[in-house]
Amino acid sequence: MRSGVRLGIDVGRARIGVARSDAGGMLAVPIETVARAADGDGDVRRVLELAEEYGAFELVVGHPLSMSGAATPSTDDAVGFAGRLAAAGSVVRLVDERLSTVSAQQALRASGRSTRTQRPVVDQVAAVIILQHALDSERASGNPPGRALRPDEGPSTL
């Protein structure tokens, strides 16, 4: 298991959930929900600021696929966002995130939160689920999770 802080990122159309791990790579915790920027750069800048603030060596971005494994418009959006992070010099890994938002909503509902009060934090919880899955996968297999994204990759190159 590699040591060091990682950020988990759940890319949505309106918001981006961000979580971080501890330095030992054992536990993921929520840190922030970032609004998608109309200019297309403010959200990337904020995630990069968080990565620097927490000393993250790697960004784990959820790779949303359909249940059959096919790409969707959300897939292209998330990969495009991940590509912009990689182009800025970050180490980015794409990990399967199927059902992470559904799992986050169920967990929040089970904790007694109404649908209305879930909205501000559901993206952070989904980011925690994505990152925790990646950490657990790496601990079990001994290999980094998902796949590394090259800086020149984007939705059209996958």
Protein backbone atom coordinates (compact mmCIF):
# COMPACT_ATOMS: atom_id res chain seq x y z
CA MET A 1 0.00 0.00 0.00
CA ARG A 2 1.43 3.33 -1.06
CA SER A 3 1.44 5.95 1.67
CA GLY A 4 0.30 9.54 1.23
CA VAL A 5 -2.87 11.57 1.01
CA ARG A 6 -5.17 11.11 -1.97
CA LEU A 7 -8.22 13.13 -2.98
CA GLY A 8 -11.39 11.39 -4.14
CA ILE A 9 -13.48 13.29 -6.66
CA ASP A 10 -17.09 12.74 -7.69
CA VAL A 11 -17.75 14.83 -10.80
CA GLY A 12 -21.35 15.88 -11.30
CA ARG A 13 -23.01 18.27 -13.73
CA ALA A 14 -23.67 20.93 -11.05
CA ARG A 15 -21.31 20.01 -8.21
CA ILE A 16 -18.06 18.15 -7.52
CA GLY A 17 -17.74 16.22 -4.30
CA VAL A 18 -14.25 16.06 -2.81
CA ALA A 19 -12.94 13.73 -0.11
CA ARG A 20 -9.45 13.01 1.19
CA SER A 21 -7.66 10.09 2.73
CA ASP A 22 -5.36 10.05 5.70
CA ALA A 23 -1.63 9.76 4.98
CA GLY A 24 -1.70 6.01 5.62
CA GLY A 25 -4.36 5.47 2.98
CA MET A 26 -6.75 3.82 5.42
CA LEU A 27 -9.77 6.12 5.68
CA ALA A 28 -11.59 8.56 3.41
CA VAL A 29 -13.39 11.61 4.83
CA PRO A 30 -15.45 14.35 3.13
CA ILE A 31 -13.94 17.81 2.74
CA GLU A 32 -15.88 20.01 0.33
CA THR A 33 -18.48 20.36 -2.41
CA VAL A 34 -17.19 22.50 -5.27
CA ALA A 35 -19.64 24.22 -7.62
CA ARG A 36 -19.06 23.59 -11.31
CA ALA A 37 -17.61 26.73 -12.82
CA ALA A 38 -19.36 28.42 -15.71
CA ASP A 39 -15.95 29.50 -17.05
CA GLY A 40 -14.71 25.92 -16.92
CA ASP A 41 -11.61 26.71 -14.89
CA GLY A 42 -12.66 27.78 -11.38
CA ASP A 43 -13.68 24.25 -10.38
CA VAL A 44 -10.39 22.76 -11.58
CA ARG A 45 -8.48 25.51 -9.78
CA ARG A 46 -10.35 24.81 -6.53
CA VAL A 47 -9.69 21.05 -6.69
CA LEU A 48 -6.00 21.74 -7.38
CA GLU A 49 -5.93 24.14 -4.40
CA LEU A 50 -7.42 21.42 -2.18
CA ALA A 51 -4.85 18.93 -3.47
CA GLU A 52 -2.06 21.32 -2.55
CA GLU A 53 -3.61 22.20 0.81
CA TYR A 54 -3.85 18.55 1.84
CA GLY A 55 -0.60 17.50 0.19
CA ALA A 56 -2.32 14.94 -2.06
CA PHE A 57 0.00 12.96 -4.31
CA GLU A 58 -2.86 11.53 -6.39
CA LEU A 59 -6.39 12.42 -7.45
CA VAL A 60 -8.86 9.53 -7.68
CA VAL A 61 -11.68 10.53 -10.02
CA GLY A 62 -14.86 8.50 -10.29
CA HIS A 63 -15.39 7.02 -13.75
CA PRO A 64 -19.16 6.85 -14.24
CA LEU A 65 -20.19 4.06 -16.56
CA SER A 66 -23.59 2.58 -17.24
CA MET A 67 -24.39 -0.71 -15.53
CA SER A 68 -23.38 -2.49 -18.74
CA GLY A 69 -20.00 -0.74 -18.67
CA ALA A 70 -20.74 1.57 -21.59
CA ALA A 71 -19.80 5.24 -21.66
CA THR A 72 -22.49 7.85 -21.03
CA PRO A 73 -22.56 11.66 -21.28
CA SER A 74 -21.56 11.71 -17.58
CA THR A 75 -18.56 9.54 -18.45
CA ASP A 76 -17.37 12.08 -21.02
CA ASP A 77 -17.88 14.93 -18.53
CA ALA A 78 -15.94 13.20 -15.73
CA VAL A 79 -13.11 12.09 -18.04
CA GLY A 80 -12.90 15.61 -19.48
CA PHE A 81 -12.64 17.07 -15.97
CA ALA A 82 -10.03 14.45 -15.00
CA GLY A 83 -8.10 15.27 -18.18
CA ARG A 84 -7.98 18.94 -17.22
CA LEU A 85 -6.59 17.99 -13.79
CA ALA A 86 -3.96 15.75 -15.44
CA ALA A 87 -3.06 18.48 -17.94
CA ALA A 88 -2.39 20.79 -14.96
CA GLY A 89 0.24 18.31 -13.77
CA SER A 90 -1.72 16.20 -11.27
CA VAL A 91 -1.44 12.43 -11.06
CA VAL A 92 -4.98 11.22 -11.84
CA ARG A 93 -6.48 7.74 -11.62
CA LEU A 94 -9.92 6.85 -12.98
CA VAL A 95 -11.84 4.33 -10.87
CA ASP A 96 -15.21 2.70 -11.52
CA GLU A 97 -17.87 4.56 -9.59
CA ARG A 98 -21.04 2.72 -10.58
CA LEU A 99 -23.73 3.24 -7.95
CA SER A 100 -21.62 5.54 -5.75
CA THR A 101 -24.24 8.31 -5.74
CA VAL A 102 -27.03 5.81 -5.12
CA SER A 103 -25.03 4.34 -2.22
CA ALA A 104 -24.40 7.85 -0.86
CA GLN A 105 -28.10 8.71 -1.01
CA GLN A 106 -29.01 5.44 0.74
CA ALA A 107 -26.43 6.04 3.48
CA LEU A 108 -27.69 9.57 4.08
CA ARG A 109 -31.30 8.41 4.11
CA ALA A 110 -30.39 5.64 6.60
CA SER A 111 -28.80 8.28 8.84
CA GLY A 112 -32.09 10.19 8.90
CA ARG A 113 -31.35 12.94 6.39
CA SER A 114 -34.18 14.05 4.15
CA THR A 115 -33.72 14.35 0.41
CA ARG A 116 -33.69 18.14 0.78
CA THR A 117 -30.92 18.13 3.41
CA GLN A 118 -28.87 15.56 1.46
CA ARG A 119 -28.24 17.83 -1.52
CA PRO A 120 -25.34 19.85 -0.06
CA VAL A 121 -23.40 16.76 1.08
CA VAL A 122 -24.40 13.86 -1.20
CA ASP A 123 -21.55 14.66 -3.62
CA GLN A 124 -19.01 14.62 -0.76
CA VAL A 125 -20.36 11.28 0.48
CA ALA A 126 -20.15 9.86 -3.07
CA ALA A 127 -16.51 11.07 -3.21
CA VAL A 128 -15.85 9.29 0.10
CA ILE A 129 -17.36 6.08 -1.30
CA ILE A 130 -15.25 6.31 -4.48
CA LEU A 131 -12.04 7.00 -2.56
CA GLN A 132 -12.68 4.38 0.13
CA HIS A 133 -13.34 1.77 -2.54
CA ALA A 134 -10.06 2.72 -4.24
CA LEU A 135 -8.14 2.53 -0.95
CA ASP A 136 -9.66 -0.85 -0.06
CA SER A 137 -8.95 -2.18 -3.55
CA GLU A 138 -5.30 -1.11 -3.39
CA ARG A 139 -4.89 -2.58 0.10
CA ALA A 140 -6.38 -5.92 -1.02
CA SER A 141 -4.53 -6.22 -4.34
CA GLY A 142 -1.30 -4.35 -3.68
CA ASN A 143 -1.84 -2.47 -6.96
CA PRO A 144 -2.95 1.13 -7.52
CA PRO A 145 -6.69 1.28 -8.22
CA GLY A 146 -8.31 1.89 -11.59
CA ARG A 147 -6.06 3.23 -14.27
CA ALA A 148 -3.76 6.20 -14.60
CA LEU A 149 -4.94 8.97 -16.89
CA ARG A 150 -2.30 10.49 -19.14
CA PRO A 151 -2.29 14.29 -19.43
CA ASP A 152 -3.18 14.07 -23.15
CA GLU A 153 -6.26 11.87 -22.61
CA GLY A 154 -9.83 13.03 -22.69
CA PRO A 155 -13.23 11.63 -23.60
CA SER A 156 -12.39 11.32 -27.29
CA THR A 157 -9.21 9.32 -26.67
CA LEU A 158 -10.76 6.60 -24.47
